[in-house]
Amino acid sequence: MCRSIHQLHNFEPPATVDEIQAAALQYVRKIAGSTRPSQANQAAFDQAVAAVAAATEELLANLVTTAPPRDREVEAAKARARAEKRYAS
């Protein structure tokens, strides 16, 4: 899966509409195999992004967990530490 699609469930604060839209866009780009569709495919591309975003919003609204919500800043710091270790020269 695309590296820029991140987990959106069980965070405090919850995922924003912009984050859901960005994830949907990345997913459709990956599936379509292009970052910018041709004019002939633009409508289908936009419709797919909207459908994936709607499905994602519904999924996130319906998921249930007993785990405490994770803090975005803490998770971002962990990701930066992993990246530093991975890309250290």
C-alpha atoms as a PDB file:
ATOM      1  CA  MET A   1       0.000   0.000   0.000  1.00  0.00           C
ATOM      2  CA  CYS A   2       1.022   3.588  -0.432  1.00  0.00           C
ATOM      3  CA  ARG A   3       3.363   4.820   2.290  1.00  0.00           C
ATOM      4  CA  SER A   4       1.630   8.169   2.555  1.00  0.00           C
ATOM      5  CA  ILE A   5      -1.664   6.608   3.630  1.00  0.00           C
ATOM      6  CA  HIS A   6      -1.651   6.551   7.402  1.00  0.00           C
ATOM      7  CA  GLN A   7      -3.864   4.905   9.970  1.00  0.00           C
ATOM      8  CA  LEU A   8      -6.752   7.210  10.821  1.00  0.00           C
ATOM      9  CA  HIS A   9      -8.634   5.198  13.447  1.00  0.00           C
ATOM     10  CA  ASN A  10      -8.392   5.693  17.219  1.00  0.00           C
ATOM     11  CA  PHE A  11      -6.534   8.988  17.374  1.00  0.00           C
ATOM     12  CA  GLU A  12      -7.174  12.012  19.518  1.00  0.00           C
ATOM     13  CA  PRO A  13      -8.181  14.342  17.970  1.00  0.00           C
ATOM     14  CA  PRO A  14     -10.092  12.226  15.420  1.00  0.00           C
ATOM     15  CA  ALA A  15      -9.214  12.224  11.733  1.00  0.00           C
ATOM     16  CA  THR A  16     -10.265  15.349   9.900  1.00  0.00           C
ATOM     17  CA  VAL A  17     -12.179  15.520   6.640  1.00  0.00           C
ATOM     18  CA  ASP A  18      -8.968  16.739   4.980  1.00  0.00           C
ATOM     19  CA  GLU A  19      -7.016  13.703   6.231  1.00  0.00           C
ATOM     20  CA  ILE A  20      -9.725  11.350   4.985  1.00  0.00           C
ATOM     21  CA  GLN A  21      -9.813  13.116   1.612  1.00  0.00           C
ATOM     22  CA  ALA A  22      -5.999  12.950   1.298  1.00  0.00           C
ATOM     23  CA  ALA A  23      -5.999   9.233   2.080  1.00  0.00           C
ATOM     24  CA  ALA A  24      -8.768   8.612  -0.463  1.00  0.00           C
ATOM     25  CA  LEU A  25      -6.866  10.580  -3.101  1.00  0.00           C
ATOM     26  CA  GLN A  26      -3.665   8.619  -2.458  1.00  0.00           C
ATOM     27  CA  TYR A  27      -5.549   5.324  -2.628  1.00  0.00           C
ATOM     28  CA  VAL A  28      -7.206   6.186  -5.947  1.00  0.00           C
ATOM     29  CA  ARG A  29      -3.884   7.444  -7.354  1.00  0.00           C
ATOM     30  CA  LYS A  30      -2.235   4.164  -6.401  1.00  0.00           C
ATOM     31  CA  ILE A  31      -5.005   2.046  -7.923  1.00  0.00           C
ATOM     32  CA  ALA A  32      -5.212   4.173 -11.079  1.00  0.00           C
ATOM     33  CA  GLY A  33      -1.451   4.205 -11.513  1.00  0.00           C
ATOM     34  CA  SER A  34      -1.246   7.951 -12.054  1.00  0.00           C
ATOM     35  CA  THR A  35      -1.145  11.085  -9.977  1.00  0.00           C
ATOM     36  CA  ARG A  36      -3.033  13.202 -12.494  1.00  0.00           C
ATOM     37  CA  PRO A  37      -5.738  11.659 -14.658  1.00  0.00           C
ATOM     38  CA  SER A  38      -6.336  12.748 -18.221  1.00  0.00           C
ATOM     39  CA  GLN A  39      -9.261  15.058 -18.927  1.00  0.00           C
ATOM     40  CA  ALA A  40     -11.166  12.065 -20.268  1.00  0.00           C
ATOM     41  CA  ASN A  41     -10.758  10.254 -16.927  1.00  0.00           C
ATOM     42  CA  GLN A  42     -11.062  13.220 -14.538  1.00  0.00           C
ATOM     43  CA  ALA A  43     -14.752  12.684 -13.747  1.00  0.00           C
ATOM     44  CA  ALA A  44     -14.269   8.979 -12.997  1.00  0.00           C
ATOM     45  CA  PHE A  45     -11.203   9.788 -10.884  1.00  0.00           C
ATOM     46  CA  ASP A  46     -13.061  12.446  -8.863  1.00  0.00           C
ATOM     47  CA  GLN A  47     -16.060  10.137  -8.394  1.00  0.00           C
ATOM     48  CA  ALA A  48     -13.780   7.365  -7.118  1.00  0.00           C
ATOM     49  CA  VAL A  49     -12.076   9.712  -4.644  1.00  0.00           C
ATOM     50  CA  ALA A  50     -15.462  10.861  -3.332  1.00  0.00           C
ATOM     51  CA  ALA A  51     -16.699   7.262  -2.986  1.00  0.00           C
ATOM     52  CA  VAL A  52     -13.561   6.117  -1.155  1.00  0.00           C
ATOM     53  CA  ALA A  53     -13.695   9.151   1.156  1.00  0.00           C
ATOM     54  CA  ALA A  54     -17.358   8.466   1.962  1.00  0.00           C
ATOM     55  CA  ALA A  55     -16.652   4.794   2.645  1.00  0.00           C
ATOM     56  CA  THR A  56     -13.718   5.765   4.860  1.00  0.00           C
ATOM     57  CA  GLU A  57     -15.812   8.225   6.871  1.00  0.00           C
ATOM     58  CA  GLU A  58     -18.490   5.563   7.361  1.00  0.00           C
ATOM     59  CA  LEU A  59     -15.918   2.969   8.389  1.00  0.00           C
ATOM     60  CA  LEU A  60     -14.267   5.274  10.912  1.00  0.00           C
ATOM     61  CA  ALA A  61     -17.659   6.219  12.358  1.00  0.00           C
ATOM     62  CA  ASN A  62     -18.620   2.565  12.840  1.00  0.00           C
ATOM     63  CA  LEU A  63     -15.367   1.112  14.185  1.00  0.00           C
ATOM     64  CA  VAL A  64     -15.372   0.272  17.888  1.00  0.00           C
ATOM     65  CA  THR A  65     -12.333  -0.149  20.096  1.00  0.00           C
ATOM     66  CA  THR A  66     -11.597  -0.555  23.774  1.00  0.00           C
ATOM     67  CA  ALA A  67      -8.044   0.770  23.425  1.00  0.00           C
ATOM     68  CA  PRO A  68      -7.411   4.313  24.576  1.00  0.00           C
ATOM     69  CA  PRO A  69      -6.970   6.840  21.757  1.00  0.00           C
ATOM     70  CA  ARG A  70      -3.403   7.461  20.675  1.00  0.00           C
ATOM     71  CA  ASP A  71      -1.858  10.911  20.648  1.00  0.00           C
ATOM     72  CA  ARG A  72      -0.955  12.183  17.169  1.00  0.00           C
ATOM     73  CA  GLU A  73       2.156  14.014  18.364  1.00  0.00           C
ATOM     74  CA  VAL A  74       3.536  10.954  20.148  1.00  0.00           C
ATOM     75  CA  GLU A  75       2.944   8.755  17.097  1.00  0.00           C
ATOM     76  CA  ALA A  76       4.538  11.369  14.818  1.00  0.00           C
ATOM     77  CA  ALA A  77       7.612  11.500  17.065  1.00  0.00           C
ATOM     78  CA  LYS A  78       7.897   7.702  16.930  1.00  0.00           C
ATOM     79  CA  ALA A  79       7.654   7.810  13.128  1.00  0.00           C
ATOM     80  CA  ARG A  80      10.370  10.483  12.921  1.00  0.00           C
ATOM     81  CA  ALA A  81      12.629   8.380  15.162  1.00  0.00           C
ATOM     82  CA  ARG A  82      12.086   5.318  12.953  1.00  0.00           C
ATOM     83  CA  ALA A  83      12.846   7.380   9.840  1.00  0.00           C
ATOM     84  CA  GLU A  84      16.032   8.792  11.359  1.00  0.00           C
ATOM     85  CA  LYS A  85      17.202   5.302  12.221  1.00  0.00           C
ATOM     86  CA  ARG A  86      16.261   3.964   8.769  1.00  0.00           C
ATOM     87  CA  TYR A  87      17.864   6.788   6.775  1.00  0.00           C
ATOM     88  CA  ALA A  88      20.885   7.517   8.993  1.00  0.00           C
ATOM     89  CA  SER A  89      24.107   7.540   7.029  1.00  0.00           C
END
